N, C-alpha and C. Protein backbone atom coordinates (compact mmCIF):
# COMPACT_ATOMS: atom_id res chain seq x y z
N MET A 1 0.76 -1.15 -0.03
CA MET A 1 -0.22 -0.14 -0.26
C MET A 1 0.62 1.26 0.06
N THR A 2 1.71 1.07 0.68
CA THR A 2 2.83 2.36 1.01
C THR A 2 3.55 2.98 -0.12
N PHE A 3 4.07 1.35 -1.04
CA PHE A 3 4.33 1.82 -2.49
C PHE A 3 3.97 2.17 -3.76
N LEU A 4 2.62 2.02 -3.47
CA LEU A 4 1.10 2.34 -4.12
C LEU A 4 0.82 3.75 -4.38
N LEU A 5 0.92 4.15 -2.79
CA LEU A 5 0.81 5.61 -2.46
C LEU A 5 1.99 6.67 -2.90
N GLY A 6 3.34 5.64 -2.65
CA GLY A 6 4.23 6.71 -3.24
C GLY A 6 4.45 7.01 -4.76
N PHE A 7 3.78 5.65 -5.37
CA PHE A 7 3.60 5.84 -6.78
C PHE A 7 2.64 6.82 -7.08
N GLY A 8 1.37 6.66 -7.01
CA GLY A 8 0.22 7.68 -7.17
C GLY A 8 0.64 9.34 -6.52
N VAL A 9 1.65 9.66 -5.53
CA VAL A 9 2.00 10.61 -5.25
C VAL A 9 2.89 11.54 -6.08
N GLY A 10 3.99 10.47 -6.24
CA GLY A 10 4.84 10.80 -7.26
C GLY A 10 4.48 11.11 -8.79
N LEU A 11 3.60 10.20 -9.09
CA LEU A 11 2.96 10.72 -10.72
C LEU A 11 2.14 11.72 -10.74
N SER A 12 1.31 12.10 -10.10
CA SER A 12 0.51 13.14 -9.86
C SER A 12 1.47 14.64 -10.00
N LEU A 13 2.07 14.22 -9.28
CA LEU A 13 3.17 15.71 -9.08
C LEU A 13 4.35 15.80 -10.60
N ILE A 14 4.76 14.72 -11.04
CA ILE A 14 5.72 14.64 -12.19
C ILE A 14 5.09 15.14 -13.30
N VAL A 15 3.83 14.22 -13.71
CA VAL A 15 3.21 14.65 -14.98
C VAL A 15 2.68 15.80 -15.24
N ALA A 16 2.39 16.80 -13.92
CA ALA A 16 1.95 17.86 -14.46
C ALA A 16 2.77 18.44 -15.94
N ILE A 17 2.13 19.03 -16.94
CA ILE A 17 2.78 19.50 -18.13
C ILE A 17 3.52 20.65 -18.06
N GLY A 18 4.67 21.12 -17.42
CA GLY A 18 5.32 22.25 -17.24
C GLY A 18 6.82 22.16 -18.25
N ALA A 19 7.72 23.14 -17.74
CA ALA A 19 8.47 23.49 -18.89
C ALA A 19 9.26 22.22 -19.06
N GLN A 20 9.81 21.67 -18.06
CA GLN A 20 10.80 20.08 -18.26
C GLN A 20 9.84 19.56 -19.18
N ASN A 21 8.90 18.73 -18.94
CA ASN A 21 8.09 17.83 -19.80
C ASN A 21 7.63 18.49 -21.28
N ILE A 22 7.62 19.95 -21.49
CA ILE A 22 7.26 19.90 -22.90
C ILE A 22 8.94 19.97 -23.78
N TRP A 23 9.93 20.28 -22.84
CA TRP A 23 11.12 20.13 -23.73
C TRP A 23 11.12 18.96 -24.08
N VAL A 24 11.12 18.15 -22.85
CA VAL A 24 11.27 16.72 -23.25
C VAL A 24 10.81 16.42 -24.46
N LEU A 25 9.19 16.36 -24.62
CA LEU A 25 8.66 16.22 -26.03
C LEU A 25 9.26 16.59 -27.24
N SER A 26 9.77 18.10 -27.14
CA SER A 26 10.44 18.90 -28.27
C SER A 26 11.56 18.08 -28.54
N GLN A 27 12.11 17.57 -27.58
CA GLN A 27 13.35 17.36 -28.00
C GLN A 27 13.39 15.78 -28.30
N CYS A 28 12.52 14.95 -27.95
CA CYS A 28 12.07 13.64 -28.48
C CYS A 28 11.81 13.82 -30.16
N MET A 29 10.55 14.81 -30.29
CA MET A 29 10.16 15.23 -31.36
C MET A 29 11.64 15.33 -32.74
N ALA A 30 12.26 15.93 -31.99
CA ALA A 30 13.25 16.34 -33.22
C ALA A 30 14.34 15.69 -33.04
N GLY A 31 14.68 14.37 -32.64
CA GLY A 31 15.24 13.06 -32.99
C GLY A 31 16.39 13.14 -31.79
N ALA A 32 16.48 13.66 -30.86
CA ALA A 32 16.92 14.00 -29.35
C ALA A 32 17.41 12.20 -28.93
N ASN A 33 18.51 12.09 -28.56
CA ASN A 33 18.50 10.81 -27.69
C ASN A 33 17.62 10.73 -26.45
N ARG A 34 16.34 9.67 -26.45
CA ARG A 34 15.37 9.64 -25.55
C ARG A 34 15.92 8.66 -24.49
N ILE A 35 16.73 8.08 -24.80
CA ILE A 35 17.41 7.34 -23.60
C ILE A 35 18.29 8.31 -22.39
N VAL A 36 18.81 9.20 -23.48
CA VAL A 36 20.01 10.06 -22.21
C VAL A 36 18.72 11.09 -21.55
N ILE A 37 18.02 11.49 -22.32
CA ILE A 37 16.51 12.37 -21.49
C ILE A 37 16.11 11.62 -20.51
N ALA A 38 15.34 10.57 -20.55
CA ALA A 38 14.95 9.93 -19.74
C ALA A 38 15.90 9.46 -18.75
N LEU A 39 17.14 9.03 -18.75
CA LEU A 39 17.88 8.50 -17.14
C LEU A 39 18.10 9.90 -16.69
N VAL A 40 18.34 11.00 -17.38
CA VAL A 40 18.79 12.08 -16.48
C VAL A 40 17.14 12.61 -15.87
N CYS A 41 16.29 12.71 -16.31
CA CYS A 41 14.95 13.08 -15.68
C CYS A 41 14.82 12.20 -14.82
N VAL A 42 14.95 11.06 -14.61
CA VAL A 42 14.67 9.61 -13.92
C VAL A 42 15.55 10.15 -12.70
N LEU A 43 17.16 10.11 -12.72
CA LEU A 43 17.78 9.95 -11.86
C LEU A 43 17.93 11.43 -11.04
N CYS A 44 17.48 12.54 -11.60
CA CYS A 44 17.36 13.91 -10.63
C CYS A 44 15.99 13.63 -9.89
N ASP A 45 15.05 13.23 -10.58
CA ASP A 45 13.91 12.99 -9.41
C ASP A 45 14.35 11.99 -8.09
N CYS A 46 14.66 11.06 -8.62
CA CYS A 46 15.06 9.88 -7.59
C CYS A 46 16.14 10.35 -6.61
N LEU A 47 16.99 11.21 -7.09
CA LEU A 47 18.24 12.07 -6.01
C LEU A 47 16.94 12.89 -5.19
N LEU A 48 16.73 13.45 -6.03
CA LEU A 48 15.90 14.79 -5.26
C LEU A 48 14.64 14.22 -4.15
N ILE A 49 14.07 13.14 -4.55
CA ILE A 49 13.11 12.70 -3.57
C ILE A 49 13.76 11.76 -2.24
N THR A 50 15.13 11.51 -2.77
CA THR A 50 15.57 10.58 -1.20
C THR A 50 16.24 11.66 -0.43
N MET A 51 16.93 12.99 -1.40
CA MET A 51 17.05 13.91 -0.57
C MET A 51 16.33 14.52 0.52
N GLY A 52 15.10 14.43 -0.16
CA GLY A 52 14.13 15.36 0.56
C GLY A 52 13.24 14.25 1.86
N VAL A 53 13.53 13.17 2.00
CA VAL A 53 13.14 12.21 2.74
C VAL A 53 14.09 12.09 3.80
N PHE A 54 15.23 12.49 3.24
CA PHE A 54 15.99 12.45 4.84
C PHE A 54 16.47 13.80 5.12
N ALA A 55 16.20 14.89 4.59
CA ALA A 55 15.90 16.52 4.97
C ALA A 55 15.07 16.24 5.80
N VAL A 56 13.41 15.96 5.72
CA VAL A 56 12.59 16.21 6.01
C VAL A 56 12.78 15.46 7.57
N SER A 57 13.07 14.22 7.48
CA SER A 57 13.39 13.27 8.83
C SER A 57 14.68 14.24 9.57
N TYR A 58 15.49 15.01 8.71
CA TYR A 58 16.60 15.53 9.89
C TYR A 58 15.92 16.58 10.61
N VAL A 59 14.73 17.53 9.47
CA VAL A 59 14.14 18.31 10.45
C VAL A 59 13.46 18.09 11.74
N GLN A 60 12.74 16.84 11.67
CA GLN A 60 11.83 16.07 12.63
C GLN A 60 12.89 15.92 13.48
N ILE A 61 14.17 15.59 13.67
CA ILE A 61 14.79 15.21 14.65
C ILE A 61 15.33 16.74 15.33
N LEU A 62 15.61 17.93 14.58
CA LEU A 62 16.18 18.83 14.86
C LEU A 62 15.25 19.89 15.55
N LEU A 63 14.12 20.00 14.76
CA LEU A 63 12.96 21.22 14.78
C LEU A 63 11.77 20.61 14.63
N PRO A 64 11.51 19.74 15.94
CA PRO A 64 10.01 18.64 15.89
C PRO A 64 8.95 19.66 15.55
N PRO A 65 8.93 20.83 15.98
CA PRO A 65 7.38 21.80 16.07
C PRO A 65 7.19 22.21 14.72
N LEU A 66 8.30 22.23 13.56
CA LEU A 66 8.66 22.87 12.24
C LEU A 66 7.71 21.54 11.67
N VAL A 67 7.93 20.52 11.81
CA VAL A 67 6.93 19.19 10.66
C VAL A 67 5.49 19.74 10.45
N PRO A 68 4.62 19.96 11.67
CA PRO A 68 3.44 19.99 11.62
C PRO A 68 3.12 21.48 10.45
N ILE A 69 4.10 22.19 10.87
CA ILE A 69 3.61 23.66 10.25
C ILE A 69 4.36 23.33 8.50
N LEU A 70 5.45 22.83 8.38
CA LEU A 70 5.40 21.72 6.83
C LEU A 70 4.53 20.96 6.25
N THR A 71 3.76 20.01 7.25
CA THR A 71 2.79 19.35 6.78
C THR A 71 1.39 20.21 5.93
N TRP A 72 1.40 21.56 6.77
CA TRP A 72 0.28 22.16 6.28
C TRP A 72 0.44 22.99 4.92
N LEU A 73 1.61 23.49 5.58
CA LEU A 73 1.98 24.14 3.69
C LEU A 73 2.18 23.45 2.96
N GLY A 74 2.45 21.97 3.14
CA GLY A 74 2.43 20.96 2.02
C GLY A 74 0.66 20.58 1.70
N VAL A 75 -0.18 20.83 2.47
CA VAL A 75 -1.84 20.48 2.31
C VAL A 75 -2.34 21.48 1.44
N LEU A 76 -1.78 23.01 1.81
CA LEU A 76 -2.16 24.30 0.93
C LEU A 76 -1.78 23.97 -0.13
N LEU A 77 -0.28 23.81 -0.62
CA LEU A 77 -0.20 23.81 -2.03
C LEU A 77 -0.60 22.87 -2.81
N LEU A 78 -1.04 21.55 -2.40
CA LEU A 78 -1.38 20.46 -2.94
C LEU A 78 -3.00 21.11 -3.28
N LEU A 79 -3.46 21.71 -2.32
CA LEU A 79 -5.09 22.22 -2.63
C LEU A 79 -4.70 23.13 -3.55
N TRP A 80 -3.68 24.39 -3.59
CA TRP A 80 -3.91 25.13 -4.72
C TRP A 80 -3.26 24.63 -6.01
N LEU A 81 -2.59 23.26 -6.16
CA LEU A 81 -2.06 22.82 -7.29
C LEU A 81 -3.37 22.28 -8.03
N SER A 82 -4.19 21.69 -7.05
CA SER A 82 -5.88 20.98 -7.37
C SER A 82 -6.95 21.99 -8.13
N TRP A 83 -6.70 23.09 -7.21
CA TRP A 83 -7.69 23.94 -7.69
C TRP A 83 -7.42 24.65 -9.08
N GLN A 84 -6.11 24.70 -9.10
CA GLN A 84 -5.38 25.82 -10.76
C GLN A 84 -5.93 24.47 -11.77
N ALA A 85 -5.84 23.49 -11.20
CA ALA A 85 -6.04 22.42 -12.62
C ALA A 85 -7.51 22.05 -12.53
N MET A 86 -8.15 22.67 -11.74
CA MET A 86 -9.81 22.56 -11.81
C MET A 86 -10.18 23.48 -12.64
N MET A 87 -9.69 24.92 -12.30
CA MET A 87 -9.61 25.82 -13.12
C MET A 87 -9.35 25.74 -14.76
N ARG A 88 -8.45 24.96 -15.16
CA ARG A 88 -8.14 25.00 -16.44
C ARG A 88 -9.35 23.97 -17.01
N VAL A 89 -9.72 23.07 -16.22
CA VAL A 89 -10.92 22.10 -16.44
C VAL A 89 -12.15 22.83 -17.06
N ARG A 90 -12.47 23.77 -16.20
CA ARG A 90 -13.54 24.84 -16.02
C ARG A 90 -13.32 25.75 -17.46
N ALA A 91 -11.79 26.41 -17.47
CA ALA A 91 -11.84 27.01 -18.90
C ALA A 91 -11.99 26.29 -20.27
N GLY A 92 -11.37 25.33 -20.02
CA GLY A 92 -11.32 24.43 -21.54
C GLY A 92 -10.61 25.25 -22.35
N GLY A 93 -10.10 24.68 -23.49
CA GLY A 93 -9.64 24.63 -24.88
C GLY A 93 -8.19 24.56 -24.62
N ASN A 94 -7.73 24.16 -23.66
CA ASN A 94 -6.35 24.05 -23.55
C ASN A 94 -5.83 22.44 -24.60
N VAL A 95 -4.57 23.40 -25.25
CA VAL A 95 -4.09 21.94 -25.98
C VAL A 95 -2.25 22.01 -25.58
N LEU A 96 -1.57 21.13 -26.00
CA LEU A 96 -0.45 20.87 -25.58
C LEU A 96 0.59 21.98 -27.18
N ILE A 97 1.28 22.97 -26.66
CA ILE A 97 1.66 23.80 -27.78
C ILE A 97 3.34 23.24 -27.75
N VAL A 98 4.03 22.35 -28.34
CA VAL A 98 5.53 21.67 -28.53
C VAL A 98 5.83 22.54 -29.58
N ASN A 99 7.33 23.12 -29.57
CA ASN A 99 7.86 23.29 -30.82
C ASN A 99 8.90 22.58 -31.36
N THR A 100 8.16 21.94 -32.77
CA THR A 100 8.86 20.87 -33.23
C THR A 100 10.24 21.39 -34.20
N ASN A 101 9.98 22.62 -34.83
CA ASN A 101 11.03 23.21 -35.24
C ASN A 101 12.31 23.22 -34.84
N ILE A 102 12.80 22.58 -34.16
CA ILE A 102 13.93 22.55 -33.51
C ILE A 102 15.14 21.43 -33.72
N LYS A 103 16.31 21.46 -33.65
CA LYS A 103 17.44 20.60 -34.10
C LYS A 103 17.73 19.82 -32.88
N ALA A 104 17.98 18.85 -33.05
CA ALA A 104 18.59 17.88 -32.24
C ALA A 104 19.85 18.16 -31.42
N GLN A 105 20.17 18.22 -30.45
CA GLN A 105 21.89 18.50 -29.56
C GLN A 105 22.55 16.96 -29.60
N SER A 106 23.81 16.92 -29.41
CA SER A 106 24.09 16.03 -28.93
C SER A 106 23.90 15.31 -27.54
N ASN A 107 24.82 14.12 -27.34
CA ASN A 107 23.97 13.65 -26.05
C ASN A 107 24.43 14.43 -24.92
N SER A 108 25.78 14.83 -25.23
CA SER A 108 26.40 15.89 -23.94
C SER A 108 25.78 16.83 -23.64
N LYS A 109 25.25 17.96 -24.69
CA LYS A 109 24.56 19.01 -24.47
C LYS A 109 23.40 18.82 -24.25
N THR A 110 22.47 17.47 -24.54
CA THR A 110 21.04 17.14 -24.20
C THR A 110 21.17 16.75 -22.69
N ALA A 111 22.15 16.06 -22.05
CA ALA A 111 22.13 15.99 -20.67
C ALA A 111 22.42 17.00 -19.72
N LEU A 112 23.26 17.83 -20.50
CA LEU A 112 23.47 19.14 -19.81
C LEU A 112 22.43 19.83 -19.77
N THR A 113 21.64 20.08 -20.57
CA THR A 113 20.37 20.80 -21.13
C THR A 113 19.27 20.49 -20.02
N ALA A 114 19.22 18.92 -19.83
CA ALA A 114 18.18 18.26 -18.77
C ALA A 114 18.49 18.32 -17.57
N LEU A 115 19.83 18.60 -17.40
CA LEU A 115 19.93 18.92 -15.96
C LEU A 115 19.86 20.25 -15.32
N ALA A 116 20.08 21.16 -16.69
CA ALA A 116 19.71 22.27 -16.16
C ALA A 116 17.92 22.92 -16.09
N ILE A 117 17.48 22.42 -16.96
CA ILE A 117 15.81 22.54 -16.90
C ILE A 117 15.40 22.12 -15.70
N THR A 118 15.57 20.79 -15.40
CA THR A 118 15.30 19.67 -14.02
C THR A 118 15.98 20.87 -12.66
N LEU A 119 17.03 20.91 -12.55
CA LEU A 119 17.41 21.44 -11.51
C LEU A 119 17.34 22.79 -11.14
N LEU A 120 17.25 23.85 -11.85
CA LEU A 120 16.91 25.07 -11.65
C LEU A 120 15.35 25.56 -12.06
N ASN A 121 14.66 24.60 -12.13
CA ASN A 121 13.39 24.94 -11.94
C ASN A 121 12.61 24.45 -10.60
N PRO A 122 12.36 25.89 -9.85
CA PRO A 122 11.99 25.56 -8.43
C PRO A 122 11.15 24.90 -7.84
N HIS A 123 9.95 24.43 -8.56
CA HIS A 123 9.23 23.59 -8.63
C HIS A 123 9.75 22.64 -8.36
N VAL A 124 10.64 21.91 -8.90
CA VAL A 124 10.51 20.21 -8.89
C VAL A 124 10.92 20.32 -7.12
N TYR A 125 11.81 21.38 -6.61
CA TYR A 125 11.98 21.17 -5.07
C TYR A 125 10.82 21.14 -4.33
N LEU A 126 9.98 22.17 -4.72
CA LEU A 126 8.72 21.81 -4.02
C LEU A 126 8.23 20.15 -3.91
N ASP A 127 7.96 20.17 -5.26
CA ASP A 127 7.45 18.72 -5.51
C ASP A 127 8.15 17.26 -4.89
N THR A 128 9.49 17.10 -5.28
CA THR A 128 10.42 16.19 -4.96
C THR A 128 10.54 16.10 -3.35
N VAL A 129 11.52 17.26 -3.30
CA VAL A 129 11.70 17.40 -1.44
C VAL A 129 10.94 17.82 -0.59
N PHE A 130 10.15 18.72 -0.88
CA PHE A 130 9.28 19.05 0.36
C PHE A 130 7.73 18.27 0.30
N LEU A 131 7.00 18.11 -0.94
CA LEU A 131 5.84 17.37 -0.79
C LEU A 131 5.90 16.13 -0.31
N ILE A 132 7.01 15.44 -1.45
CA ILE A 132 7.13 13.52 -1.62
C ILE A 132 8.02 13.38 -0.25
N GLY A 133 8.90 14.15 -0.13
CA GLY A 133 9.35 13.80 1.33
C GLY A 133 9.00 14.36 2.67
N GLY A 134 7.87 15.14 2.53
CA GLY A 134 7.38 15.19 3.82
C GLY A 134 5.99 13.88 4.06
N VAL A 135 5.38 13.65 2.91
CA VAL A 135 4.38 12.63 2.78
C VAL A 135 5.15 11.36 3.23
N ALA A 136 6.43 11.04 2.59
CA ALA A 136 6.96 9.82 2.86
C ALA A 136 7.15 9.54 4.25
N ASN A 137 7.61 10.54 4.66
CA ASN A 137 8.00 10.55 6.12
C ASN A 137 6.78 10.33 7.60
N GLN A 138 5.77 10.62 6.66
CA GLN A 138 4.68 10.03 7.69
C GLN A 138 4.00 8.61 7.42
N GLN A 139 4.76 7.65 6.53
CA GLN A 139 4.47 6.46 6.36
C GLN A 139 5.55 5.51 7.21
N PRO A 140 4.66 4.34 7.33
CA PRO A 140 5.43 3.55 8.23
C PRO A 140 6.46 2.93 7.36
N SER A 141 6.87 3.02 6.25
CA SER A 141 8.24 2.61 5.45
C SER A 141 8.42 3.94 4.63
N PRO A 142 9.18 4.91 5.18
CA PRO A 142 9.45 5.84 4.05
C PRO A 142 10.34 5.35 2.58
N MET A 143 11.37 4.48 2.68
CA MET A 143 12.12 4.43 1.83
C MET A 143 10.65 3.05 0.56
N LEU A 144 9.92 2.52 1.18
CA LEU A 144 9.17 1.94 0.41
C LEU A 144 8.32 3.12 -0.66
N PHE A 145 7.86 3.95 0.44
CA PHE A 145 7.26 5.40 -0.57
C PHE A 145 8.17 5.96 -1.60
N VAL A 146 9.35 6.07 -1.42
CA VAL A 146 10.17 6.58 -2.14
C VAL A 146 10.34 5.75 -3.23
N ALA A 147 10.43 4.13 -2.98
CA ALA A 147 10.68 3.36 -4.34
C ALA A 147 9.41 3.70 -5.11
N GLY A 148 7.81 3.87 -4.55
CA GLY A 148 7.08 3.96 -5.40
C GLY A 148 7.03 5.03 -5.87
N ALA A 149 7.57 6.70 -5.65
CA ALA A 149 7.68 7.96 -6.38
C ALA A 149 8.63 7.63 -7.20
N CYS A 150 9.87 7.10 -7.22
CA CYS A 150 10.82 6.88 -8.35
C CYS A 150 10.44 5.86 -9.52
N THR A 151 9.81 4.78 -9.16
CA THR A 151 8.93 4.27 -9.89
C THR A 151 8.10 5.08 -11.13
N ALA A 152 7.41 5.84 -10.61
CA ALA A 152 6.45 6.88 -10.92
C ALA A 152 7.34 7.74 -11.97
N SER A 153 8.56 8.32 -11.58
CA SER A 153 9.31 9.00 -12.32
C SER A 153 9.71 7.86 -13.68
N LEU A 154 10.14 7.02 -13.14
CA LEU A 154 10.68 6.09 -14.61
C LEU A 154 9.68 5.78 -15.14
N CYS A 155 8.33 5.53 -15.08
CA CYS A 155 7.52 4.82 -15.94
C CYS A 155 6.81 6.03 -16.46
N TRP A 156 7.12 7.35 -15.97
CA TRP A 156 6.69 8.55 -16.82
C TRP A 156 7.58 8.88 -17.93
N PHE A 157 8.67 9.42 -17.41
CA PHE A 157 9.67 9.68 -18.51
C PHE A 157 9.90 8.75 -19.65
N SER A 158 10.15 7.31 -19.21
CA SER A 158 10.06 6.45 -19.77
C SER A 158 9.11 6.05 -21.26
N THR A 159 7.59 6.51 -20.58
CA THR A 159 6.43 6.68 -21.94
C THR A 159 6.55 7.93 -22.55
N LEU A 160 6.63 9.14 -22.03
CA LEU A 160 6.72 10.29 -22.13
C LEU A 160 8.09 10.23 -23.44
N THR A 161 9.20 9.84 -23.62
CA THR A 161 10.13 9.79 -24.16
C THR A 161 9.65 8.86 -25.43
N SER A 162 9.02 7.69 -25.01
CA SER A 162 8.74 6.76 -26.12
C SER A 162 8.00 6.79 -26.99
N LEU A 163 6.87 7.88 -26.39
CA LEU A 163 5.38 7.94 -27.09
C LEU A 163 4.90 9.32 -27.41
N ALA A 164 6.62 10.32 -27.55
CA ALA A 164 6.78 11.71 -27.96
C ALA A 164 5.20 11.68 -28.75
N PRO A 165 5.33 11.35 -30.15
CA PRO A 165 4.30 12.02 -30.84
C PRO A 165 3.19 11.85 -30.93
N LYS A 166 2.65 10.15 -30.07
CA LYS A 166 1.48 9.87 -30.05
C LYS A 166 0.76 10.86 -28.89
N LEU A 167 2.11 10.88 -27.78
CA LEU A 167 1.07 12.11 -26.37
C LEU A 167 1.15 13.65 -27.03
N LYS A 168 1.74 13.94 -28.17
CA LYS A 168 1.40 14.96 -28.41
C LYS A 168 0.15 15.37 -29.29
N THR A 169 -0.20 14.38 -30.03
CA THR A 169 -1.57 14.52 -30.92
C THR A 169 -2.24 14.12 -29.94
N TRP A 170 -2.50 13.53 -28.83
CA TRP A 170 -3.23 12.93 -27.74
C TRP A 170 -3.82 14.37 -26.92
N LEU A 171 -2.85 15.07 -26.50
CA LEU A 171 -3.06 15.95 -25.36
C LEU A 171 -3.23 17.35 -26.43
N ASN A 172 -3.42 17.33 -27.48
CA ASN A 172 -3.71 18.29 -28.78
C ASN A 172 -5.40 18.44 -28.79
N SER A 173 -5.94 17.41 -27.98
CA SER A 173 -7.49 17.87 -28.21
C SER A 173 -7.64 18.31 -26.37
N PRO A 174 -8.43 19.32 -27.19
CA PRO A 174 -8.95 20.34 -25.44
C PRO A 174 -9.98 19.30 -24.28
N ARG A 175 -10.89 18.31 -24.98
CA ARG A 175 -11.80 17.46 -24.13
C ARG A 175 -10.47 16.61 -23.28
N ARG A 176 -9.59 16.18 -24.41
CA ARG A 176 -8.63 15.25 -23.74
C ARG A 176 -7.83 15.50 -22.72
N TRP A 177 -7.38 17.07 -22.75
CA TRP A 177 -6.80 17.75 -22.06
C TRP A 177 -7.59 17.60 -20.68
N GLN A 178 -9.01 17.96 -21.11
CA GLN A 178 -9.77 18.33 -19.34
C GLN A 178 -10.04 17.06 -18.97
N ILE A 179 -9.72 15.97 -19.22
CA ILE A 179 -10.01 14.80 -18.49
C ILE A 179 -8.75 14.72 -17.73
N PHE A 180 -7.41 14.90 -18.58
CA PHE A 180 -6.27 15.09 -17.97
C PHE A 180 -6.27 15.70 -16.77
N ASP A 181 -6.64 16.98 -17.09
CA ASP A 181 -6.78 17.99 -16.05
C ASP A 181 -7.00 17.60 -14.55
N CYS A 182 -8.47 17.14 -14.67
CA CYS A 182 -9.51 16.79 -14.03
C CYS A 182 -8.84 15.51 -12.80
N SER A 183 -8.27 15.04 -13.73
CA SER A 183 -7.81 13.63 -13.03
C SER A 183 -6.31 13.93 -11.96
N ILE A 184 -5.89 14.87 -12.54
CA ILE A 184 -4.86 15.50 -11.66
C ILE A 184 -5.55 16.21 -10.47
N SER A 185 -6.15 16.83 -10.61
CA SER A 185 -6.96 18.00 -9.82
C SER A 185 -7.59 16.76 -8.73
N ILE A 186 -8.05 15.94 -9.21
CA ILE A 186 -8.37 14.90 -7.93
C ILE A 186 -7.76 14.04 -7.24
N ILE A 187 -6.62 14.07 -8.05
CA ILE A 187 -5.53 13.12 -7.14
C ILE A 187 -4.75 14.04 -6.22
N LEU A 188 -4.31 15.14 -6.60
CA LEU A 188 -4.17 16.14 -5.53
C LEU A 188 -5.12 16.84 -4.41
N GLY A 189 -6.10 16.70 -4.56
CA GLY A 189 -7.01 17.12 -3.81
C GLY A 189 -6.88 15.74 -2.69
N GLY A 190 -7.00 14.81 -3.30
CA GLY A 190 -7.18 13.67 -2.55
C GLY A 190 -5.95 13.22 -1.54
N MET A 191 -4.77 13.57 -1.91
CA MET A 191 -3.51 13.70 -1.40
C MET A 191 -3.15 15.06 -0.61
N ALA A 192 -4.17 15.86 -1.05
CA ALA A 192 -4.25 16.91 0.71
C ALA A 192 -4.92 16.44 1.77
N ILE A 193 -6.25 15.92 1.37
CA ILE A 193 -7.00 15.53 2.60
C ILE A 193 -6.45 14.34 3.26
N ASN A 194 -5.86 13.26 2.33
CA ASN A 194 -4.95 12.38 3.04
C ASN A 194 -3.57 12.64 3.82
N LEU A 195 -2.91 13.83 3.64
CA LEU A 195 -2.14 14.54 4.29
C LEU A 195 -2.16 15.32 5.38
N ALA A 196 -3.59 15.65 5.29
CA ALA A 196 -3.97 16.44 6.40
C ALA A 196 -4.68 15.82 7.42
N PHE A 197 -5.36 14.31 7.23
CA PHE A 197 -6.17 13.98 8.30
C PHE A 197 -5.90 12.36 8.27
N GLY A 198 -4.35 12.31 7.41
CA GLY A 198 -4.19 10.44 7.74
C GLY A 198 -3.39 10.31 8.41
């Protein structure tokens, strides 16, 4: 159960279509090395998620009163993300815009760019270190939760890189985009409730 919860939490946070995922899709469609991109993104996620678990655990030892504050900040952040996704559903008309008029880079440049886009994005730290680390430390087996979240990252980026052209077509439908955002909103809202009362 802990593994599945980690998988669900990790997947719902990672799949949000932001700058990183759009860049991944663009590069894959331009013919970049998909394995290099997937490896860099997954390894970064796993490293940050693991760091988050130990960081929050360390905070629990040094400053126990800070943990409830971090927990409720996490609840508020999840509710905010859920609300944003539901507002996108309500507005409708969203499609995925990917720039396919780009040239593929060398493997080394691709890896460095993937590192930069991943590690210079402030949201990645909120998601992997703060949120996932906070939820993981409330589980009976934090490392099993981490394994689930890391598996979610592996599954997502493997799918994203291997099926990039099909995903672009699928997410160009406003109706499908609404279904996608609605699912994310429900999952994030459920996570917030579980974190608050679990």
